[in-house]
Amino acid sequence: MTNAATHQQTESASESGTVAQVMRPAVTTVEQDAHVAAAAYLMKHSGATALVVIDNDQSKHPVGILTEADIVRVVADGKDVNDLRIREMMTSKPTVCQDTTTIPDAARRMMNGRIRHLPVVEADDSLVGIVNIEDLARALLGPAS
């Protein structure tokens, strides 16, 4: 396939595609009363760059998000991650998108909010995945050369 054909295929998929097509369905989650050290451990061993904080395991409604940058910030401030709880430093009420959100709309949400991760929810607000800036860039621009 030529570069022009690949570009055209990527362009049409990104224009009509939804977040459900590019999201990561296996989301690493954590509850807000856990220690930040436990969150860092989960991130390291799962390869996640963000954890979605949920209200409970049954409803799985996102109530916050914790990113690598958040952990770096508290460590740089000299705080003890073994004493600090996630609820004390998470971003509450995270920006989310539905699984039916178009890829361009999700990218705009990220740009406008200056964020790199979007939890993906179903119509009942239960968590079904996460999409990050790399996922959307790949969908919009095609694979890296």
C-alpha atoms as a PDB file:
ATOM      1  CA  MET A   1       0.000   0.000   0.000  1.00  0.00           C
ATOM      2  CA  THR A   2       1.376   3.430  -0.869  1.00  0.00           C
ATOM      3  CA  ASN A   3       1.825   6.252   1.624  1.00  0.00           C
ATOM      4  CA  ALA A   4      -1.044   8.149  -0.013  1.00  0.00           C
ATOM      5  CA  ALA A   5      -3.361   5.140   0.335  1.00  0.00           C
ATOM      6  CA  THR A   6      -2.312   4.615   3.960  1.00  0.00           C
ATOM      7  CA  HIS A   7      -2.892   8.312   4.705  1.00  0.00           C
ATOM      8  CA  GLN A   8      -6.329   8.209   3.052  1.00  0.00           C
ATOM      9  CA  GLN A   9      -7.298   5.073   5.017  1.00  0.00           C
ATOM     10  CA  THR A  10      -6.114   6.628   8.309  1.00  0.00           C
ATOM     11  CA  GLU A  11      -7.904   9.886   7.501  1.00  0.00           C
ATOM     12  CA  SER A  12     -11.242   8.178   6.846  1.00  0.00           C
ATOM     13  CA  ALA A  13     -10.954   5.984   9.961  1.00  0.00           C
ATOM     14  CA  SER A  14     -10.095   8.942  12.181  1.00  0.00           C
ATOM     15  CA  GLU A  15     -12.960  11.059  10.860  1.00  0.00           C
ATOM     16  CA  SER A  16     -15.615   8.391  11.409  1.00  0.00           C
ATOM     17  CA  GLY A  17     -13.971   6.379  14.184  1.00  0.00           C
ATOM     18  CA  THR A  18     -14.942   6.417  17.811  1.00  0.00           C
ATOM     19  CA  VAL A  19     -12.968   6.223  21.002  1.00  0.00           C
ATOM     20  CA  ALA A  20     -14.234   2.648  21.484  1.00  0.00           C
ATOM     21  CA  GLN A  21     -12.060   1.627  18.511  1.00  0.00           C
ATOM     22  CA  VAL A  22      -8.798   2.962  19.978  1.00  0.00           C
ATOM     23  CA  MET A  23      -9.272   2.865  23.752  1.00  0.00           C
ATOM     24  CA  ARG A  24      -7.461   0.508  26.069  1.00  0.00           C
ATOM     25  CA  PRO A  25     -10.184  -1.614  27.643  1.00  0.00           C
ATOM     26  CA  ALA A  26      -8.029  -2.973  30.457  1.00  0.00           C
ATOM     27  CA  VAL A  27      -7.878   0.006  32.785  1.00  0.00           C
ATOM     28  CA  THR A  28      -5.837  -0.063  35.951  1.00  0.00           C
ATOM     29  CA  THR A  29      -8.026   1.337  38.697  1.00  0.00           C
ATOM     30  CA  VAL A  30      -7.520   2.240  42.310  1.00  0.00           C
ATOM     31  CA  GLU A  31      -9.684   3.381  45.194  1.00  0.00           C
ATOM     32  CA  GLN A  32      -9.183   6.815  46.706  1.00  0.00           C
ATOM     33  CA  ASP A  33      -8.231   5.578  50.187  1.00  0.00           C
ATOM     34  CA  ALA A  34      -5.176   3.671  48.929  1.00  0.00           C
ATOM     35  CA  HIS A  35      -1.674   5.043  49.527  1.00  0.00           C
ATOM     36  CA  VAL A  36       0.127   6.877  46.743  1.00  0.00           C
ATOM     37  CA  ALA A  37       3.007   4.388  47.099  1.00  0.00           C
ATOM     38  CA  ALA A  38       0.593   1.588  46.171  1.00  0.00           C
ATOM     39  CA  ALA A  39      -0.528   3.576  43.134  1.00  0.00           C
ATOM     40  CA  ALA A  40       3.079   4.043  42.009  1.00  0.00           C
ATOM     41  CA  TYR A  41       3.646   0.295  42.402  1.00  0.00           C
ATOM     42  CA  LEU A  42       0.531  -0.441  40.302  1.00  0.00           C
ATOM     43  CA  MET A  43       1.685   1.959  37.587  1.00  0.00           C
ATOM     44  CA  LYS A  44       5.134   0.417  37.419  1.00  0.00           C
ATOM     45  CA  HIS A  45       3.903  -3.159  37.193  1.00  0.00           C
ATOM     46  CA  SER A  46       1.005  -2.525  34.822  1.00  0.00           C
ATOM     47  CA  GLY A  47       2.853  -0.122  32.523  1.00  0.00           C
ATOM     48  CA  ALA A  48       0.109   2.454  33.049  1.00  0.00           C
ATOM     49  CA  THR A  49       0.838   6.180  32.979  1.00  0.00           C
ATOM     50  CA  ALA A  50      -2.446   6.991  34.716  1.00  0.00           C
ATOM     51  CA  LEU A  51      -4.807   5.282  37.122  1.00  0.00           C
ATOM     52  CA  VAL A  52      -8.520   5.919  37.183  1.00  0.00           C
ATOM     53  CA  VAL A  53      -9.842   6.364  40.695  1.00  0.00           C
ATOM     54  CA  ILE A  54     -13.231   4.679  41.038  1.00  0.00           C
ATOM     55  CA  ASP A  55     -15.964   4.967  43.640  1.00  0.00           C
ATOM     56  CA  ASN A  56     -16.226   1.181  44.099  1.00  0.00           C
ATOM     57  CA  ASP A  57     -15.719  -2.086  42.237  1.00  0.00           C
ATOM     58  CA  GLN A  58     -19.429  -2.572  41.524  1.00  0.00           C
ATOM     59  CA  SER A  59     -20.412   0.659  39.774  1.00  0.00           C
ATOM     60  CA  LYS A  60     -16.916   1.641  38.583  1.00  0.00           C
ATOM     61  CA  HIS A  61     -17.761   5.335  38.261  1.00  0.00           C
ATOM     62  CA  PRO A  62     -14.624   7.456  37.790  1.00  0.00           C
ATOM     63  CA  VAL A  63     -14.253   9.959  40.635  1.00  0.00           C
ATOM     64  CA  GLY A  64     -10.668  10.960  39.923  1.00  0.00           C
ATOM     65  CA  ILE A  65      -7.490  10.333  38.000  1.00  0.00           C
ATOM     66  CA  LEU A  66      -3.895  10.014  39.156  1.00  0.00           C
ATOM     67  CA  THR A  67      -1.032  10.400  36.678  1.00  0.00           C
ATOM     68  CA  GLU A  68       2.713   9.882  36.736  1.00  0.00           C
ATOM     69  CA  ALA A  69       3.092  13.663  36.725  1.00  0.00           C
ATOM     70  CA  ASP A  70       1.026  13.885  39.932  1.00  0.00           C
ATOM     71  CA  ILE A  71       3.336  11.418  41.670  1.00  0.00           C
ATOM     72  CA  VAL A  72       6.460  13.197  40.438  1.00  0.00           C
ATOM     73  CA  ARG A  73       5.074  16.469  41.784  1.00  0.00           C
ATOM     74  CA  VAL A  74       4.510  15.116  45.324  1.00  0.00           C
ATOM     75  CA  VAL A  75       7.898  13.405  45.422  1.00  0.00           C
ATOM     76  CA  ALA A  76       9.601  16.612  44.248  1.00  0.00           C
ATOM     77  CA  ASP A  77       7.729  18.487  47.007  1.00  0.00           C
ATOM     78  CA  GLY A  78       9.279  16.120  49.562  1.00  0.00           C
ATOM     79  CA  LYS A  79       6.044  14.431  50.609  1.00  0.00           C
ATOM     80  CA  ASP A  80       6.063  10.818  51.812  1.00  0.00           C
ATOM     81  CA  VAL A  81       4.131   8.657  49.351  1.00  0.00           C
ATOM     82  CA  ASN A  82       3.702   5.999  52.048  1.00  0.00           C
ATOM     83  CA  ASP A  83       1.650   8.399  54.182  1.00  0.00           C
ATOM     84  CA  LEU A  84      -0.225  10.265  51.461  1.00  0.00           C
ATOM     85  CA  ARG A  85      -3.623   8.982  50.302  1.00  0.00           C
ATOM     86  CA  ILE A  86      -4.734   9.121  46.686  1.00  0.00           C
ATOM     87  CA  ARG A  87      -7.802  11.229  47.542  1.00  0.00           C
ATOM     88  CA  GLU A  88      -5.464  13.971  48.812  1.00  0.00           C
ATOM     89  CA  MET A  89      -3.775  14.471  45.448  1.00  0.00           C
ATOM     90  CA  MET A  90      -5.928  13.027  42.666  1.00  0.00           C
ATOM     91  CA  THR A  91      -7.634  15.219  40.127  1.00  0.00           C
ATOM     92  CA  SER A  92     -11.281  15.025  41.184  1.00  0.00           C
ATOM     93  CA  LYS A  93     -14.121  14.900  38.688  1.00  0.00           C
ATOM     94  CA  PRO A  94     -11.902  14.012  35.728  1.00  0.00           C
ATOM     95  CA  THR A  95     -12.857  14.928  32.193  1.00  0.00           C
ATOM     96  CA  VAL A  96     -14.285  11.789  30.605  1.00  0.00           C
ATOM     97  CA  CYS A  97     -15.692  10.816  27.246  1.00  0.00           C
ATOM     98  CA  GLN A  98     -18.206   8.224  26.171  1.00  0.00           C
ATOM     99  CA  ASP A  99     -17.223   5.229  24.100  1.00  0.00           C
ATOM    100  CA  THR A 100     -19.259   6.752  21.248  1.00  0.00           C
ATOM    101  CA  THR A 101     -17.243  10.013  21.225  1.00  0.00           C
ATOM    102  CA  THR A 102     -15.498  10.576  17.902  1.00  0.00           C
ATOM    103  CA  ILE A 103     -11.719  10.516  17.808  1.00  0.00           C
ATOM    104  CA  PRO A 104     -11.441  14.199  16.731  1.00  0.00           C
ATOM    105  CA  ASP A 105     -13.821  15.254  19.540  1.00  0.00           C
ATOM    106  CA  ALA A 106     -11.767  13.347  22.115  1.00  0.00           C
ATOM    107  CA  ALA A 107      -8.570  14.976  20.793  1.00  0.00           C
ATOM    108  CA  ARG A 108     -10.197  18.415  21.088  1.00  0.00           C
ATOM    109  CA  ARG A 109     -11.227  17.655  24.675  1.00  0.00           C
ATOM    110  CA  MET A 110      -7.648  16.749  25.502  1.00  0.00           C
ATOM    111  CA  MET A 111      -6.264  19.871  23.851  1.00  0.00           C
ATOM    112  CA  ASN A 112      -8.806  22.185  25.484  1.00  0.00           C
ATOM    113  CA  GLY A 113      -8.308  20.636  28.908  1.00  0.00           C
ATOM    114  CA  ARG A 114      -4.526  20.307  28.495  1.00  0.00           C
ATOM    115  CA  ILE A 115      -4.732  16.661  29.537  1.00  0.00           C
ATOM    116  CA  ARG A 116      -3.173  13.431  28.287  1.00  0.00           C
ATOM    117  CA  HIS A 117      -5.645  10.791  29.494  1.00  0.00           C
ATOM    118  CA  LEU A 118      -9.410  10.422  29.129  1.00  0.00           C
ATOM    119  CA  PRO A 119     -11.318   7.762  31.025  1.00  0.00           C
ATOM    120  CA  VAL A 120     -13.954   6.254  28.727  1.00  0.00           C
ATOM    121  CA  VAL A 121     -17.426   5.584  30.107  1.00  0.00           C
ATOM    122  CA  GLU A 122     -20.635   4.010  28.883  1.00  0.00           C
ATOM    123  CA  ALA A 123     -23.988   5.820  28.931  1.00  0.00           C
ATOM    124  CA  ASP A 124     -24.449   4.914  32.643  1.00  0.00           C
ATOM    125  CA  ASP A 125     -21.057   6.510  33.477  1.00  0.00           C
ATOM    126  CA  SER A 126     -19.414   3.174  34.279  1.00  0.00           C
ATOM    127  CA  LEU A 127     -15.765   2.924  33.283  1.00  0.00           C
ATOM    128  CA  VAL A 128     -15.019   0.817  30.193  1.00  0.00           C
ATOM    129  CA  GLY A 129     -11.569   2.004  29.140  1.00  0.00           C
ATOM    130  CA  ILE A 130      -9.036   4.778  28.872  1.00  0.00           C
ATOM    131  CA  VAL A 131      -7.581   6.597  25.911  1.00  0.00           C
ATOM    132  CA  ASN A 132      -4.384   8.599  25.959  1.00  0.00           C
ATOM    133  CA  ILE A 133      -2.861  11.183  23.696  1.00  0.00           C
ATOM    134  CA  GLU A 134      -0.712   8.572  21.934  1.00  0.00           C
ATOM    135  CA  ASP A 135      -3.763   6.452  21.082  1.00  0.00           C
ATOM    136  CA  LEU A 136      -5.494   9.448  19.498  1.00  0.00           C
ATOM    137  CA  ALA A 137      -2.387  10.657  17.664  1.00  0.00           C
ATOM    138  CA  ARG A 138      -1.912   7.198  16.168  1.00  0.00           C
ATOM    139  CA  ALA A 139      -5.570   7.103  15.089  1.00  0.00           C
ATOM    140  CA  LEU A 140      -5.394  10.576  13.539  1.00  0.00           C
ATOM    141  CA  LEU A 141      -1.907  10.401  12.013  1.00  0.00           C
ATOM    142  CA  GLY A 142      -1.240   6.699  11.459  1.00  0.00           C
ATOM    143  CA  PRO A 143       1.568   4.590  12.897  1.00  0.00           C
ATOM    144  CA  ALA A 144       4.968   6.129  13.624  1.00  0.00           C
ATOM    145  CA  SER A 145       7.506   5.820  10.844  1.00  0.00           C
END
